[in-house]
C-alpha atoms as a PDB file:
ATOM      1  CA  UNK A   1     -11.985  17.062  -5.430  1.00  0.00           C
ATOM      2  CA  UNK A   2     -11.706  13.322  -4.567  1.00  0.00           C
ATOM      3  CA  UNK A   3     -10.976  12.315  -8.192  1.00  0.00           C
ATOM      4  CA  UNK A   4      -8.161  14.893  -8.389  1.00  0.00           C
ATOM      5  CA  UNK A   5      -6.687  13.625  -5.127  1.00  0.00           C
ATOM      6  CA  UNK A   6      -6.910   9.991  -6.251  1.00  0.00           C
ATOM      7  CA  UNK A   7      -5.273  10.884  -9.576  1.00  0.00           C
ATOM      8  CA  UNK A   8      -2.445  12.605  -7.690  1.00  0.00           C
ATOM      9  CA  UNK A   9      -1.897   9.513  -5.525  1.00  0.00           C
ATOM     10  CA  UNK A  10      -1.779   7.335  -8.656  1.00  0.00           C
ATOM     11  CA  UNK A  11       0.682   9.688 -10.382  1.00  0.00           C
ATOM     12  CA  UNK A  12       3.000   9.650  -7.370  1.00  0.00           C
ATOM     13  CA  UNK A  13       2.781   5.860  -7.045  1.00  0.00           C
ATOM     14  CA  UNK A  14       3.508   5.424 -10.768  1.00  0.00           C
ATOM     15  CA  UNK A  15       6.687   7.431 -10.219  1.00  0.00           C
ATOM     16  CA  UNK A  16       7.918   4.509  -8.072  1.00  0.00           C
ATOM     17  CA  UNK A  17       7.488   1.921 -10.846  1.00  0.00           C
ATOM     18  CA  UNK A  18      10.806   0.243 -11.517  1.00  0.00           C
ATOM     19  CA  UNK A  19      12.188   0.991  -8.036  1.00  0.00           C
ATOM     20  CA  UNK A  20      13.983  -2.193  -6.942  1.00  0.00           C
ATOM     21  CA  UNK A  21      12.481  -4.268  -4.148  1.00  0.00           C
ATOM     22  CA  UNK A  22      14.367  -3.711  -0.895  1.00  0.00           C
ATOM     23  CA  UNK A  23      13.049  -5.057   2.408  1.00  0.00           C
ATOM     24  CA  UNK A  24      12.316  -2.075   4.712  1.00  0.00           C
ATOM     25  CA  UNK A  25      13.349   0.400   1.998  1.00  0.00           C
ATOM     26  CA  UNK A  26      11.272   3.508   1.290  1.00  0.00           C
ATOM     27  CA  UNK A  27      13.154   5.516  -1.361  1.00  0.00           C
ATOM     28  CA  UNK A  28      11.978   6.060  -4.918  1.00  0.00           C
ATOM     29  CA  UNK A  29      14.515   4.799  -7.435  1.00  0.00           C
ATOM     30  CA  UNK A  30      16.707   3.331  -4.696  1.00  0.00           C
ATOM     31  CA  UNK A  31      14.611   0.583  -3.123  1.00  0.00           C
ATOM     32  CA  UNK A  32      11.393  -0.106  -1.277  1.00  0.00           C
ATOM     33  CA  UNK A  33       9.056  -2.811  -0.132  1.00  0.00           C
ATOM     34  CA  UNK A  34       5.262  -2.504  -0.154  1.00  0.00           C
ATOM     35  CA  UNK A  35       5.187  -0.516   3.090  1.00  0.00           C
ATOM     36  CA  UNK A  36       8.002   1.679   1.817  1.00  0.00           C
ATOM     37  CA  UNK A  37       5.972   2.420  -1.316  1.00  0.00           C
ATOM     38  CA  UNK A  38       3.067   3.619   0.822  1.00  0.00           C
ATOM     39  CA  UNK A  39       5.415   5.653   3.031  1.00  0.00           C
ATOM     40  CA  UNK A  40       7.049   7.236  -0.028  1.00  0.00           C
ATOM     41  CA  UNK A  41       3.698   8.172  -1.554  1.00  0.00           C
ATOM     42  CA  UNK A  42       2.614   9.628   1.796  1.00  0.00           C
ATOM     43  CA  UNK A  43       5.808  11.712   2.030  1.00  0.00           C
ATOM     44  CA  UNK A  44       5.261  13.151  -1.456  1.00  0.00           C
ATOM     45  CA  UNK A  45       1.598  13.888  -0.725  1.00  0.00           C
ATOM     46  CA  UNK A  46       2.015  15.499   2.685  1.00  0.00           C
ATOM     47  CA  UNK A  47       5.709  16.332   3.129  1.00  0.00           C
ATOM     48  CA  UNK A  48       6.103  14.205   6.236  1.00  0.00           C
ATOM     49  CA  UNK A  49       6.505  10.601   7.316  1.00  0.00           C
ATOM     50  CA  UNK A  50       3.236   9.030   8.565  1.00  0.00           C
ATOM     51  CA  UNK A  51       5.122   7.126  11.261  1.00  0.00           C
ATOM     52  CA  UNK A  52       8.428   5.357  11.458  1.00  0.00           C
ATOM     53  CA  UNK A  53       7.858   1.606  11.571  1.00  0.00           C
ATOM     54  CA  UNK A  54       9.914  -0.553  13.889  1.00  0.00           C
ATOM     55  CA  UNK A  55      12.248  -3.040  12.220  1.00  0.00           C
ATOM     56  CA  UNK A  56      10.379  -6.041  10.861  1.00  0.00           C
ATOM     57  CA  UNK A  57      11.426  -9.416   9.515  1.00  0.00           C
ATOM     58  CA  UNK A  58       9.982 -10.733   6.255  1.00  0.00           C
ATOM     59  CA  UNK A  59       7.884 -13.260   8.221  1.00  0.00           C
ATOM     60  CA  UNK A  60       6.642 -10.852  10.925  1.00  0.00           C
ATOM     61  CA  UNK A  61       2.947 -11.467  10.112  1.00  0.00           C
ATOM     62  CA  UNK A  62       3.264 -15.231  10.372  1.00  0.00           C
ATOM     63  CA  UNK A  63       5.074 -14.988  13.695  1.00  0.00           C
ATOM     64  CA  UNK A  64       3.216 -12.195  15.480  1.00  0.00           C
ATOM     65  CA  UNK A  65      -0.337 -12.350  14.160  1.00  0.00           C
ATOM     66  CA  UNK A  66      -0.678  -8.642  14.961  1.00  0.00           C
ATOM     67  CA  UNK A  67      -2.675  -6.637  12.410  1.00  0.00           C
ATOM     68  CA  UNK A  68      -0.046  -3.895  12.266  1.00  0.00           C
ATOM     69  CA  UNK A  69      -0.710  -2.847   8.657  1.00  0.00           C
ATOM     70  CA  UNK A  70      -4.482  -2.693   9.029  1.00  0.00           C
ATOM     71  CA  UNK A  71      -4.239  -0.765  12.291  1.00  0.00           C
ATOM     72  CA  UNK A  72      -1.709   1.713  10.843  1.00  0.00           C
ATOM     73  CA  UNK A  73      -3.868   2.248   7.751  1.00  0.00           C
ATOM     74  CA  UNK A  74      -6.879   2.979   9.953  1.00  0.00           C
ATOM     75  CA  UNK A  75      -4.839   5.304  12.172  1.00  0.00           C
ATOM     76  CA  UNK A  76      -3.747   7.425   9.218  1.00  0.00           C
ATOM     77  CA  UNK A  77      -6.566   7.019   6.687  1.00  0.00           C
ATOM     78  CA  UNK A  78      -9.673   6.446   8.801  1.00  0.00           C
ATOM     79  CA  UNK A  79     -11.987   3.451   8.904  1.00  0.00           C
ATOM     80  CA  UNK A  80     -11.885   0.895   6.090  1.00  0.00           C
ATOM     81  CA  UNK A  81     -14.184   1.375   3.112  1.00  0.00           C
ATOM     82  CA  UNK A  82     -16.400  -1.241   1.476  1.00  0.00           C
ATOM     83  CA  UNK A  83     -14.606  -3.027  -1.354  1.00  0.00           C
ATOM     84  CA  UNK A  84     -17.362  -1.784  -3.683  1.00  0.00           C
ATOM     85  CA  UNK A  85     -16.128   1.797  -3.053  1.00  0.00           C
ATOM     86  CA  UNK A  86     -12.570   1.045  -4.235  1.00  0.00           C
ATOM     87  CA  UNK A  87     -11.335   3.902  -6.440  1.00  0.00           C
ATOM     88  CA  UNK A  88      -8.037   4.831  -8.092  1.00  0.00           C
ATOM     89  CA  UNK A  89      -5.597   6.106  -5.490  1.00  0.00           C
ATOM     90  CA  UNK A  90      -7.009   4.004  -2.654  1.00  0.00           C
ATOM     91  CA  UNK A  91      -4.735   1.967  -0.411  1.00  0.00           C
ATOM     92  CA  UNK A  92      -5.373  -1.764  -0.313  1.00  0.00           C
ATOM     93  CA  UNK A  93      -4.075  -4.071   2.401  1.00  0.00           C
ATOM     94  CA  UNK A  94      -3.840  -7.758   1.509  1.00  0.00           C
ATOM     95  CA  UNK A  95      -3.894 -10.936   3.576  1.00  0.00           C
ATOM     96  CA  UNK A  96      -2.069 -13.909   2.019  1.00  0.00           C
ATOM     97  CA  UNK A  97      -3.384 -16.525   4.444  1.00  0.00           C
ATOM     98  CA  UNK A  98      -6.564 -16.575   6.520  1.00  0.00           C
ATOM     99  CA  UNK A  99      -4.633 -17.576   9.652  1.00  0.00           C
ATOM    100  CA  UNK A 100      -2.064 -14.749   9.390  1.00  0.00           C
ATOM    101  CA  UNK A 101      -2.071 -10.994   9.719  1.00  0.00           C
ATOM    102  CA  UNK A 102      -2.379  -8.872   6.583  1.00  0.00           C
ATOM    103  CA  UNK A 103       1.113  -8.120   5.276  1.00  0.00           C
ATOM    104  CA  UNK A 104       1.032  -6.624   1.783  1.00  0.00           C
ATOM    105  CA  UNK A 105      -0.047  -3.213   0.507  1.00  0.00           C
ATOM    106  CA  UNK A 106      -0.799  -1.708  -2.879  1.00  0.00           C
ATOM    107  CA  UNK A 107      -2.403   1.347  -4.449  1.00  0.00           C
ATOM    108  CA  UNK A 108      -5.390   1.033  -6.786  1.00  0.00           C
ATOM    109  CA  UNK A 109      -5.013   2.433 -10.300  1.00  0.00           C
ATOM    110  CA  UNK A 110      -7.559   2.843 -13.111  1.00  0.00           C
ATOM    111  CA  UNK A 111      -8.593  -0.152 -15.157  1.00  0.00           C
ATOM    112  CA  UNK A 112      -8.743  -2.643 -12.281  1.00  0.00           C
ATOM    113  CA  UNK A 113      -4.999  -2.532 -11.666  1.00  0.00           C
ATOM    114  CA  UNK A 114      -2.746  -1.716  -8.725  1.00  0.00           C
ATOM    115  CA  UNK A 115       0.813  -0.695  -7.928  1.00  0.00           C
ATOM    116  CA  UNK A 116       2.815  -2.661  -5.384  1.00  0.00           C
ATOM    117  CA  UNK A 117       6.374  -3.640  -4.553  1.00  0.00           C
ATOM    118  CA  UNK A 118       6.851  -7.131  -5.909  1.00  0.00           C
ATOM    119  CA  UNK A 119       9.254  -9.126  -3.757  1.00  0.00           C
ATOM    120  CA  UNK A 120      12.527 -10.085  -5.473  1.00  0.00           C
ATOM    121  CA  UNK A 121      11.705  -7.744  -8.369  1.00  0.00           C
ATOM    122  CA  UNK A 122      10.576  -4.112  -8.299  1.00  0.00           C
ATOM    123  CA  UNK A 123       7.609  -1.807  -7.929  1.00  0.00           C
ATOM    124  CA  UNK A 124       5.177  -2.837 -10.660  1.00  0.00           C
ATOM    125  CA  UNK A 125       1.639  -2.158 -11.853  1.00  0.00           C
ATOM    126  CA  UNK A 126      -0.323  -5.412 -11.960  1.00  0.00           C
ATOM    127  CA  UNK A 127      -3.854  -6.437 -12.923  1.00  0.00           C
ATOM    128  CA  UNK A 128      -6.162  -6.656  -9.901  1.00  0.00           C
ATOM    129  CA  UNK A 129      -7.309 -10.157 -10.821  1.00  0.00           C
ATOM    130  CA  UNK A 130      -9.681 -12.252  -8.721  1.00  0.00           C
ATOM    131  CA  UNK A 131      -6.786 -13.935  -6.913  1.00  0.00           C
ATOM    132  CA  UNK A 132      -5.663 -10.528  -5.592  1.00  0.00           C
ATOM    133  CA  UNK A 133      -9.216  -9.264  -4.951  1.00  0.00           C
ATOM    134  CA  UNK A 134      -9.933 -12.255  -2.708  1.00  0.00           C
ATOM    135  CA  UNK A 135      -6.924 -11.323  -0.585  1.00  0.00           C
ATOM    136  CA  UNK A 136      -7.998  -7.729   0.130  1.00  0.00           C
ATOM    137  CA  UNK A 137      -8.306  -7.323   3.894  1.00  0.00           C
ATOM    138  CA  UNK A 138      -9.025  -3.587   3.849  1.00  0.00           C
ATOM    139  CA  UNK A 139      -9.509  -0.606   1.554  1.00  0.00           C
ATOM    140  CA  UNK A 140      -8.511   2.847   2.768  1.00  0.00           C
ATOM    141  CA  UNK A 141      -8.525   6.318   1.235  1.00  0.00           C
ATOM    142  CA  UNK A 142      -5.572   8.664   1.620  1.00  0.00           C
ATOM    143  CA  UNK A 143      -6.921  11.741   3.421  1.00  0.00           C
ATOM    144  CA  UNK A 144      -7.166  15.048   1.541  1.00  0.00           C
ATOM    145  CA  UNK A 145      -4.672  16.465   4.044  1.00  0.00           C
ATOM    146  CA  UNK A 146      -2.863  15.180   7.113  1.00  0.00           C
END
């Protein structure tokens, strides 16, 4: 059952590829940021919004230091998984700097790749190279149901 669910998450996320990057956006084909991608996938999986985030500036993580993304992922997906358990369809939260809160999200795809909203561009599927792997702050699995 897990493989089918992960494949469904990947298929939904791939449907967002090419969606323009829009800060705080969450609409396939219209615009989204990395959080909006996760929210859009969640809506298609479960038919509801996980939670409505408060407005946030592009530099919110540097200013606040609050682990909002990690805490929200744990609230909705359960405790983080070991990186070794990463599977297609899993949610990854990334930290760009050790002294700042995690502030980027992506969805694992087969072949050591992931889908994310690339700032100033669009939703893309990128290789999960070592540079990205080192930045993973948490791995979470979308629940079978919400």
